[in-house]
Amino acid sequence: MRVEVTYKNVEKSEFLENVIDKDLEKIGRRIQMFRENDPIHITVHLEKSQHCEEYLCNSHIYLPKRVLRADSRESNMATAINKAFAALAKQLEKLKCKVEAHLKRRDTRQTR
């Protein structure tokens, strides 16, 4: 899993890195359903608005044959990061259910 974090109008800090690492661990547990050799790339873009105290977190997970995307705009950077990663985790759970249902249907067809 490759991770890329970019900052715009935001100072890179240990606190932000800890928040991102904590959320990446949660995503990492959900990504285990894919094979280890599958290329998985996660990008996180953190930005502070120049005009007001508003923070934006754009995050993408590039999976084989699919891209998951989540954006969050909040008054606190940590909250924006957490909400974006929570949305990604929800999308991963939904994808996992779809894949499991597909595999289950495929297995029942093969046994007939």
C-alpha atoms as a PDB file:
ATOM      1  CA  MET A   1       0.000   0.000   0.000  1.00  0.00           C
ATOM      2  CA  ARG A   2       1.475   3.311  -1.082  1.00  0.00           C
ATOM      3  CA  VAL A   3       0.421   6.506   0.719  1.00  0.00           C
ATOM      4  CA  GLU A   4       0.900  10.056  -0.525  1.00  0.00           C
ATOM      5  CA  VAL A   5       0.010  13.104   1.594  1.00  0.00           C
ATOM      6  CA  THR A   6       0.100  16.657   0.224  1.00  0.00           C
ATOM      7  CA  TYR A   7      -0.380  19.940   2.074  1.00  0.00           C
ATOM      8  CA  LYS A   8      -1.522  23.328   0.803  1.00  0.00           C
ATOM      9  CA  ASN A   9      -1.531  26.371   3.120  1.00  0.00           C
ATOM     10  CA  VAL A  10      -1.083  23.960   6.029  1.00  0.00           C
ATOM     11  CA  GLU A  11       2.034  23.332   8.085  1.00  0.00           C
ATOM     12  CA  LYS A  12       3.056  19.684   8.196  1.00  0.00           C
ATOM     13  CA  SER A  13       2.993  18.674  11.865  1.00  0.00           C
ATOM     14  CA  GLU A  14       3.471  15.590  13.973  1.00  0.00           C
ATOM     15  CA  PHE A  15      -0.107  15.903  15.239  1.00  0.00           C
ATOM     16  CA  LEU A  16      -1.552  15.759  11.700  1.00  0.00           C
ATOM     17  CA  GLU A  17       0.709  12.829  10.825  1.00  0.00           C
ATOM     18  CA  ASN A  18      -0.507  10.955  13.919  1.00  0.00           C
ATOM     19  CA  VAL A  19      -4.160  11.595  12.988  1.00  0.00           C
ATOM     20  CA  ILE A  20      -3.535  10.365   9.427  1.00  0.00           C
ATOM     21  CA  ASP A  21      -1.569   7.305  10.611  1.00  0.00           C
ATOM     22  CA  LYS A  22      -4.352   6.334  13.027  1.00  0.00           C
ATOM     23  CA  ASP A  23      -6.952   6.552  10.249  1.00  0.00           C
ATOM     24  CA  LEU A  24      -4.687   4.712   7.793  1.00  0.00           C
ATOM     25  CA  GLU A  25      -4.478   1.793  10.237  1.00  0.00           C
ATOM     26  CA  LYS A  26      -8.269   1.499  10.168  1.00  0.00           C
ATOM     27  CA  ILE A  27      -8.284   1.615   6.366  1.00  0.00           C
ATOM     28  CA  GLY A  28      -5.425  -0.904   6.248  1.00  0.00           C
ATOM     29  CA  ARG A  29      -7.481  -3.472   8.173  1.00  0.00           C
ATOM     30  CA  ARG A  30     -10.320  -3.129   5.667  1.00  0.00           C
ATOM     31  CA  ILE A  31      -8.022  -3.370   2.653  1.00  0.00           C
ATOM     32  CA  GLN A  32      -6.764  -6.812   3.719  1.00  0.00           C
ATOM     33  CA  MET A  33      -9.455  -8.412   1.554  1.00  0.00           C
ATOM     34  CA  PHE A  34      -7.323  -7.601  -1.489  1.00  0.00           C
ATOM     35  CA  ARG A  35      -4.276  -9.638  -2.414  1.00  0.00           C
ATOM     36  CA  GLU A  36      -0.935  -8.341  -1.178  1.00  0.00           C
ATOM     37  CA  ASN A  37       0.441  -7.927  -4.689  1.00  0.00           C
ATOM     38  CA  ASP A  38      -2.509  -5.778  -5.839  1.00  0.00           C
ATOM     39  CA  PRO A  39      -1.383  -2.166  -6.303  1.00  0.00           C
ATOM     40  CA  ILE A  40      -3.224  -0.007  -3.768  1.00  0.00           C
ATOM     41  CA  HIS A  41      -2.485   3.702  -3.620  1.00  0.00           C
ATOM     42  CA  ILE A  42      -3.944   6.166  -1.114  1.00  0.00           C
ATOM     43  CA  THR A  43      -3.715   9.922  -1.614  1.00  0.00           C
ATOM     44  CA  VAL A  44      -4.634  12.549   0.960  1.00  0.00           C
ATOM     45  CA  HIS A  45      -4.691  16.258   0.161  1.00  0.00           C
ATOM     46  CA  LEU A  46      -5.003  18.679   3.075  1.00  0.00           C
ATOM     47  CA  GLU A  47      -5.779  22.313   2.395  1.00  0.00           C
ATOM     48  CA  LYS A  48      -6.643  25.398   4.412  1.00  0.00           C
ATOM     49  CA  SER A  49      -8.881  28.016   2.851  1.00  0.00           C
ATOM     50  CA  GLN A  50      -7.138  31.357   2.381  1.00  0.00           C
ATOM     51  CA  HIS A  51     -10.291  33.325   3.094  1.00  0.00           C
ATOM     52  CA  CYS A  52     -11.664  31.718   6.252  1.00  0.00           C
ATOM     53  CA  GLU A  53     -10.906  29.162   8.963  1.00  0.00           C
ATOM     54  CA  GLU A  54     -11.996  26.170   6.932  1.00  0.00           C
ATOM     55  CA  TYR A  55     -10.044  23.013   6.199  1.00  0.00           C
ATOM     56  CA  LEU A  56     -10.497  20.600   3.327  1.00  0.00           C
ATOM     57  CA  CYS A  57      -9.431  16.971   3.181  1.00  0.00           C
ATOM     58  CA  ASN A  58      -9.611  15.177  -0.175  1.00  0.00           C
ATOM     59  CA  SER A  59      -8.794  11.485  -0.015  1.00  0.00           C
ATOM     60  CA  HIS A  60      -8.726   8.765  -2.660  1.00  0.00           C
ATOM     61  CA  ILE A  61      -8.077   5.045  -2.548  1.00  0.00           C
ATOM     62  CA  TYR A  62      -6.990   3.610  -5.886  1.00  0.00           C
ATOM     63  CA  LEU A  63      -7.906  -0.080  -5.903  1.00  0.00           C
ATOM     64  CA  PRO A  64      -7.675  -2.542  -8.778  1.00  0.00           C
ATOM     65  CA  LYS A  65     -10.502  -1.537 -11.163  1.00  0.00           C
ATOM     66  CA  ARG A  66     -12.019   1.004  -8.746  1.00  0.00           C
ATOM     67  CA  VAL A  67     -11.381   4.388  -7.137  1.00  0.00           C
ATOM     68  CA  LEU A  68     -12.974   5.398  -3.834  1.00  0.00           C
ATOM     69  CA  ARG A  69     -13.187   9.109  -3.062  1.00  0.00           C
ATOM     70  CA  ALA A  70     -14.167  11.139  -0.016  1.00  0.00           C
ATOM     71  CA  ASP A  71     -14.044  14.871   0.712  1.00  0.00           C
ATOM     72  CA  SER A  72     -14.615  16.675   3.952  1.00  0.00           C
ATOM     73  CA  ARG A  73     -14.765  20.392   4.757  1.00  0.00           C
ATOM     74  CA  GLU A  74     -14.631  21.352   8.446  1.00  0.00           C
ATOM     75  CA  SER A  75     -13.506  24.111  10.790  1.00  0.00           C
ATOM     76  CA  ASN A  76     -10.966  21.726  12.384  1.00  0.00           C
ATOM     77  CA  MET A  77      -8.317  19.858  10.363  1.00  0.00           C
ATOM     78  CA  ALA A  78      -8.398  16.698  12.505  1.00  0.00           C
ATOM     79  CA  THR A  79     -12.189  16.505  12.176  1.00  0.00           C
ATOM     80  CA  ALA A  80     -11.964  16.929   8.413  1.00  0.00           C
ATOM     81  CA  ILE A  81      -9.427  14.092   8.178  1.00  0.00           C
ATOM     82  CA  ASN A  82     -11.461  11.793  10.422  1.00  0.00           C
ATOM     83  CA  LYS A  83     -14.699  12.393   8.518  1.00  0.00           C
ATOM     84  CA  ALA A  84     -13.053  11.799   5.136  1.00  0.00           C
ATOM     85  CA  PHE A  85     -11.496   8.533   6.315  1.00  0.00           C
ATOM     86  CA  ALA A  86     -14.768   7.450   7.941  1.00  0.00           C
ATOM     87  CA  ALA A  87     -16.485   7.929   4.573  1.00  0.00           C
ATOM     88  CA  LEU A  88     -13.758   5.864   2.879  1.00  0.00           C
ATOM     89  CA  ALA A  89     -14.134   3.109   5.487  1.00  0.00           C
ATOM     90  CA  LYS A  90     -17.880   3.029   4.857  1.00  0.00           C
ATOM     91  CA  GLN A  91     -17.296   2.727   1.105  1.00  0.00           C
ATOM     92  CA  LEU A  92     -14.787  -0.096   1.675  1.00  0.00           C
ATOM     93  CA  GLU A  93     -17.297  -1.991   3.834  1.00  0.00           C
ATOM     94  CA  LYS A  94     -19.939  -1.621   1.121  1.00  0.00           C
ATOM     95  CA  LEU A  95     -17.485  -2.850  -1.516  1.00  0.00           C
ATOM     96  CA  LYS A  96     -16.518  -5.785   0.699  1.00  0.00           C
ATOM     97  CA  CYS A  97     -20.186  -6.817   1.041  1.00  0.00           C
ATOM     98  CA  LYS A  98     -20.645  -6.621  -2.734  1.00  0.00           C
ATOM     99  CA  VAL A  99     -17.549  -8.730  -3.397  1.00  0.00           C
ATOM    100  CA  GLU A 100     -18.558 -11.333  -0.812  1.00  0.00           C
ATOM    101  CA  ALA A 101     -22.085 -11.546  -2.247  1.00  0.00           C
ATOM    102  CA  HIS A 102     -20.668 -11.963  -5.757  1.00  0.00           C
ATOM    103  CA  LEU A 103     -18.323 -14.738  -4.615  1.00  0.00           C
ATOM    104  CA  LYS A 104     -21.160 -16.457  -2.767  1.00  0.00           C
ATOM    105  CA  ARG A 105     -23.382 -16.388  -5.873  1.00  0.00           C
ATOM    106  CA  ARG A 106     -20.518 -17.673  -8.012  1.00  0.00           C
ATOM    107  CA  ASP A 107     -19.870 -20.555  -5.620  1.00  0.00           C
ATOM    108  CA  THR A 108     -23.549 -21.605  -5.558  1.00  0.00           C
ATOM    109  CA  ARG A 109     -23.649 -21.598  -9.379  1.00  0.00           C
ATOM    110  CA  GLN A 110     -20.565 -23.799  -9.615  1.00  0.00           C
ATOM    111  CA  THR A 111     -21.920 -26.405  -7.203  1.00  0.00           C
ATOM    112  CA  ARG A 112     -25.120 -26.944  -9.215  1.00  0.00           C
END
